[in-house]
Amino acid sequence: MTVIDGKNIKEITGKVVSTKMSKTIVIKVPQVKIDRLYRKRYVRHKKYYVHDEAETAQEGDVVKIRADRPRSKLKRWILVDVIQKAPA
């Protein structure tokens, strides 16, 4: 969480899986969960549609996103920073 103008705003880090849309990227965020009965760890993924105004992110990049106003039916996040570029 980040505090901006006195508000707690969510920030998430994930990996870009698609850049095929104009000014929109899709990122995948893994979440590790533990089974209640067997105590085995497993991974669930969630996809987020993110607004990328400058179209700077490429597939495979690790990026940081922040919650924002709704920009379309699915886009509720905005790109903050490209943390790590994908290997060439």
N, C-alpha and C. Protein backbone atom coordinates (compact mmCIF):
# COMPACT_ATOMS: atom_id res chain seq x y z
N MET A 1 0.83 -1.19 0.00
CA MET A 1 0.00 0.00 0.00
C MET A 1 0.87 1.24 0.00
N THR A 2 0.42 2.20 -0.73
CA THR A 2 1.09 3.48 -0.80
C THR A 2 0.14 4.56 -0.34
N VAL A 3 0.65 5.55 0.36
CA VAL A 3 -0.19 6.65 0.81
C VAL A 3 -0.02 7.81 -0.16
N ILE A 4 -1.12 8.18 -0.83
CA ILE A 4 -1.13 9.30 -1.76
C ILE A 4 -2.28 10.21 -1.36
N ASP A 5 -1.98 11.45 -1.04
CA ASP A 5 -2.98 12.43 -0.59
C ASP A 5 -3.79 11.90 0.59
N GLY A 6 -3.14 11.19 1.49
CA GLY A 6 -3.81 10.69 2.68
C GLY A 6 -4.64 9.44 2.46
N LYS A 7 -4.56 8.83 1.28
CA LYS A 7 -5.32 7.62 0.98
C LYS A 7 -4.38 6.44 0.80
N ASN A 8 -4.79 5.28 1.31
CA ASN A 8 -4.03 4.06 1.08
C ASN A 8 -4.42 3.50 -0.28
N ILE A 9 -3.45 3.40 -1.18
CA ILE A 9 -3.71 2.93 -2.54
C ILE A 9 -2.95 1.63 -2.75
N LYS A 10 -3.63 0.61 -3.32
CA LYS A 10 -3.01 -0.69 -3.53
C LYS A 10 -1.97 -0.62 -4.63
N GLU A 11 -0.86 -1.33 -4.42
CA GLU A 11 0.17 -1.51 -5.44
C GLU A 11 0.50 -2.99 -5.51
N ILE A 12 0.68 -3.48 -6.74
CA ILE A 12 0.93 -4.90 -6.97
C ILE A 12 2.09 -5.03 -7.95
N THR A 13 2.87 -6.09 -7.79
CA THR A 13 3.95 -6.39 -8.72
C THR A 13 3.62 -7.68 -9.45
N GLY A 14 3.81 -7.68 -10.78
CA GLY A 14 3.52 -8.86 -11.57
C GLY A 14 4.29 -8.88 -12.86
N LYS A 15 4.08 -9.93 -13.64
CA LYS A 15 4.80 -10.13 -14.90
C LYS A 15 3.86 -9.91 -16.07
N VAL A 16 4.33 -9.19 -17.08
CA VAL A 16 3.51 -8.89 -18.26
C VAL A 16 3.38 -10.14 -19.11
N VAL A 17 2.15 -10.52 -19.46
CA VAL A 17 1.92 -11.68 -20.29
C VAL A 17 1.37 -11.32 -21.66
N SER A 18 0.86 -10.09 -21.84
CA SER A 18 0.33 -9.70 -23.14
C SER A 18 0.41 -8.18 -23.32
N THR A 19 0.81 -7.77 -24.54
CA THR A 19 0.83 -6.35 -24.89
C THR A 19 0.15 -6.14 -26.23
N LYS A 20 -0.78 -6.99 -26.59
CA LYS A 20 -1.38 -6.97 -27.92
C LYS A 20 -2.42 -5.88 -28.11
N MET A 21 -2.92 -5.33 -27.02
CA MET A 21 -3.91 -4.26 -27.13
C MET A 21 -3.22 -2.91 -27.10
N SER A 22 -3.89 -1.92 -27.64
CA SER A 22 -3.33 -0.57 -27.67
C SER A 22 -3.48 0.08 -26.30
N LYS A 23 -2.35 0.54 -25.72
CA LYS A 23 -2.29 1.21 -24.42
C LYS A 23 -2.81 0.34 -23.27
N THR A 24 -2.82 -0.96 -23.46
CA THR A 24 -3.27 -1.89 -22.42
C THR A 24 -2.31 -3.06 -22.35
N ILE A 25 -1.93 -3.43 -21.13
CA ILE A 25 -1.14 -4.64 -20.93
C ILE A 25 -1.89 -5.55 -19.97
N VAL A 26 -1.57 -6.83 -20.03
CA VAL A 26 -2.16 -7.80 -19.12
C VAL A 26 -1.02 -8.36 -18.29
N ILE A 27 -1.18 -8.29 -16.96
CA ILE A 27 -0.15 -8.86 -16.10
C ILE A 27 -0.74 -10.02 -15.31
N LYS A 28 0.16 -10.91 -14.91
CA LYS A 28 -0.22 -12.10 -14.16
C LYS A 28 0.45 -12.03 -12.80
N VAL A 29 -0.33 -12.16 -11.75
CA VAL A 29 0.20 -12.06 -10.38
C VAL A 29 -0.01 -13.40 -9.68
N PRO A 30 1.08 -14.06 -9.27
CA PRO A 30 0.93 -15.33 -8.56
C PRO A 30 0.60 -15.11 -7.09
N GLN A 31 -0.16 -16.04 -6.53
CA GLN A 31 -0.48 -16.00 -5.11
C GLN A 31 -0.33 -17.40 -4.56
N VAL A 32 0.54 -17.58 -3.57
CA VAL A 32 0.78 -18.89 -2.98
C VAL A 32 -0.23 -19.12 -1.86
N LYS A 33 -0.93 -20.24 -1.94
CA LYS A 33 -1.90 -20.60 -0.92
C LYS A 33 -1.50 -21.93 -0.30
N ILE A 34 -2.06 -22.22 0.86
CA ILE A 34 -1.77 -23.47 1.55
C ILE A 34 -3.08 -24.22 1.77
N ASP A 35 -3.08 -25.50 1.40
CA ASP A 35 -4.26 -26.33 1.59
C ASP A 35 -4.50 -26.54 3.09
N ARG A 36 -5.73 -26.34 3.51
CA ARG A 36 -6.03 -26.42 4.96
C ARG A 36 -5.83 -27.82 5.53
N LEU A 37 -6.21 -28.83 4.75
CA LEU A 37 -6.13 -30.19 5.26
C LEU A 37 -4.72 -30.78 5.15
N TYR A 38 -4.13 -30.67 3.96
CA TYR A 38 -2.86 -31.35 3.70
C TYR A 38 -1.63 -30.45 3.87
N ARG A 39 -1.82 -29.17 4.10
CA ARG A 39 -0.74 -28.22 4.31
C ARG A 39 0.22 -28.14 3.11
N LYS A 40 -0.28 -28.49 1.94
CA LYS A 40 0.54 -28.41 0.73
C LYS A 40 0.37 -27.03 0.10
N ARG A 41 1.49 -26.46 -0.35
CA ARG A 41 1.43 -25.16 -1.00
C ARG A 41 1.11 -25.32 -2.47
N TYR A 42 0.28 -24.40 -3.00
CA TYR A 42 -0.03 -24.38 -4.42
C TYR A 42 -0.16 -22.92 -4.86
N VAL A 43 -0.03 -22.70 -6.16
CA VAL A 43 0.00 -21.34 -6.69
C VAL A 43 -1.25 -21.08 -7.52
N ARG A 44 -1.87 -19.97 -7.26
CA ARG A 44 -3.00 -19.47 -8.05
C ARG A 44 -2.53 -18.19 -8.73
N HIS A 45 -3.05 -17.91 -9.92
CA HIS A 45 -2.69 -16.70 -10.64
C HIS A 45 -3.93 -15.87 -10.91
N LYS A 46 -3.75 -14.56 -10.95
CA LYS A 46 -4.83 -13.66 -11.30
C LYS A 46 -4.31 -12.69 -12.35
N LYS A 47 -5.15 -12.40 -13.36
CA LYS A 47 -4.75 -11.48 -14.41
C LYS A 47 -5.38 -10.11 -14.17
N TYR A 48 -4.59 -9.07 -14.42
CA TYR A 48 -5.05 -7.70 -14.29
C TYR A 48 -4.84 -6.98 -15.62
N TYR A 49 -5.83 -6.21 -16.03
CA TYR A 49 -5.71 -5.36 -17.22
C TYR A 49 -5.26 -3.98 -16.76
N VAL A 50 -4.15 -3.50 -17.35
CA VAL A 50 -3.47 -2.30 -16.85
C VAL A 50 -3.34 -1.28 -17.98
N HIS A 51 -3.58 0.00 -17.64
CA HIS A 51 -3.41 1.08 -18.61
C HIS A 51 -1.94 1.46 -18.68
N ASP A 52 -1.39 1.42 -19.90
CA ASP A 52 0.01 1.77 -20.15
C ASP A 52 0.03 2.87 -21.21
N GLU A 53 -0.03 4.11 -20.78
CA GLU A 53 -0.17 5.26 -21.69
C GLU A 53 0.97 5.34 -22.71
N ALA A 54 2.21 5.19 -22.25
CA ALA A 54 3.37 5.34 -23.14
C ALA A 54 3.74 4.04 -23.85
N GLU A 55 3.08 2.96 -23.54
CA GLU A 55 3.36 1.63 -24.10
C GLU A 55 4.83 1.25 -23.92
N THR A 56 5.32 1.39 -22.67
CA THR A 56 6.72 1.11 -22.37
C THR A 56 6.97 -0.35 -22.01
N ALA A 57 6.00 -1.04 -21.48
CA ALA A 57 6.20 -2.42 -21.02
C ALA A 57 6.14 -3.39 -22.19
N GLN A 58 6.95 -4.44 -22.10
CA GLN A 58 6.99 -5.51 -23.10
C GLN A 58 6.69 -6.83 -22.41
N GLU A 59 6.37 -7.85 -23.19
CA GLU A 59 6.09 -9.16 -22.61
C GLU A 59 7.31 -9.68 -21.86
N GLY A 60 7.07 -10.22 -20.67
CA GLY A 60 8.15 -10.76 -19.85
C GLY A 60 8.70 -9.78 -18.82
N ASP A 61 8.37 -8.50 -18.93
CA ASP A 61 8.83 -7.50 -17.96
C ASP A 61 8.13 -7.70 -16.62
N VAL A 62 8.83 -7.37 -15.54
CA VAL A 62 8.22 -7.33 -14.21
C VAL A 62 7.88 -5.87 -13.94
N VAL A 63 6.59 -5.61 -13.63
CA VAL A 63 6.12 -4.23 -13.48
C VAL A 63 5.40 -4.03 -12.16
N LYS A 64 5.30 -2.77 -11.76
CA LYS A 64 4.54 -2.38 -10.58
C LYS A 64 3.33 -1.60 -11.06
N ILE A 65 2.13 -1.96 -10.54
CA ILE A 65 0.90 -1.28 -10.93
C ILE A 65 0.21 -0.72 -9.71
N ARG A 66 -0.66 0.26 -9.93
CA ARG A 66 -1.37 0.92 -8.84
C ARG A 66 -2.86 1.00 -9.20
N ALA A 67 -3.73 0.86 -8.21
CA ALA A 67 -5.16 0.98 -8.42
C ALA A 67 -5.49 2.40 -8.87
N ASP A 68 -6.44 2.52 -9.81
CA ASP A 68 -6.78 3.80 -10.39
C ASP A 68 -8.27 3.81 -10.69
N ARG A 69 -8.74 4.92 -11.19
CA ARG A 69 -10.16 5.03 -11.54
C ARG A 69 -10.46 4.07 -12.68
N PRO A 70 -11.70 3.64 -12.84
CA PRO A 70 -12.05 2.76 -13.95
C PRO A 70 -11.84 3.47 -15.29
N ARG A 71 -11.07 2.85 -16.18
CA ARG A 71 -10.80 3.43 -17.49
C ARG A 71 -11.57 2.72 -18.58
N SER A 72 -12.02 1.52 -18.34
CA SER A 72 -12.85 0.78 -19.29
C SER A 72 -13.55 -0.33 -18.50
N LYS A 73 -14.16 -1.26 -19.23
CA LYS A 73 -14.89 -2.34 -18.57
C LYS A 73 -13.99 -3.18 -17.65
N LEU A 74 -12.75 -3.41 -18.09
CA LEU A 74 -11.85 -4.27 -17.33
C LEU A 74 -10.67 -3.55 -16.69
N LYS A 75 -10.28 -2.39 -17.21
CA LYS A 75 -9.07 -1.71 -16.72
C LYS A 75 -9.37 -0.89 -15.48
N ARG A 76 -8.73 -1.26 -14.36
CA ARG A 76 -8.87 -0.53 -13.10
C ARG A 76 -7.51 -0.19 -12.50
N TRP A 77 -6.43 -0.44 -13.25
CA TRP A 77 -5.07 -0.28 -12.76
C TRP A 77 -4.27 0.56 -13.75
N ILE A 78 -3.20 1.17 -13.27
CA ILE A 78 -2.32 1.98 -14.11
C ILE A 78 -0.88 1.57 -13.85
N LEU A 79 -0.06 1.59 -14.89
CA LEU A 79 1.34 1.21 -14.78
C LEU A 79 2.12 2.30 -14.04
N VAL A 80 2.89 1.89 -13.03
CA VAL A 80 3.70 2.82 -12.26
C VAL A 80 5.14 2.79 -12.73
N ASP A 81 5.71 1.57 -12.84
CA ASP A 81 7.13 1.45 -13.13
C ASP A 81 7.43 0.08 -13.70
N VAL A 82 8.43 0.02 -14.58
CA VAL A 82 8.96 -1.26 -15.07
C VAL A 82 10.14 -1.59 -14.17
N ILE A 83 10.00 -2.61 -13.36
CA ILE A 83 11.02 -2.96 -12.37
C ILE A 83 12.18 -3.68 -13.02
N GLN A 84 11.86 -4.67 -13.89
CA GLN A 84 12.91 -5.48 -14.52
C GLN A 84 12.50 -5.75 -15.95
N LYS A 85 13.42 -5.47 -16.89
CA LYS A 85 13.15 -5.73 -18.29
C LYS A 85 13.33 -7.21 -18.58
N ALA A 86 12.59 -7.70 -19.59
CA ALA A 86 12.69 -9.10 -19.99
C ALA A 86 14.03 -9.35 -20.66
N PRO A 87 14.60 -10.53 -20.48
CA PRO A 87 15.86 -10.83 -21.18
C PRO A 87 15.64 -10.84 -22.69
N ALA A 88 16.58 -10.31 -23.41
CA ALA A 88 16.43 -10.18 -24.87
C ALA A 88 16.66 -11.49 -25.59
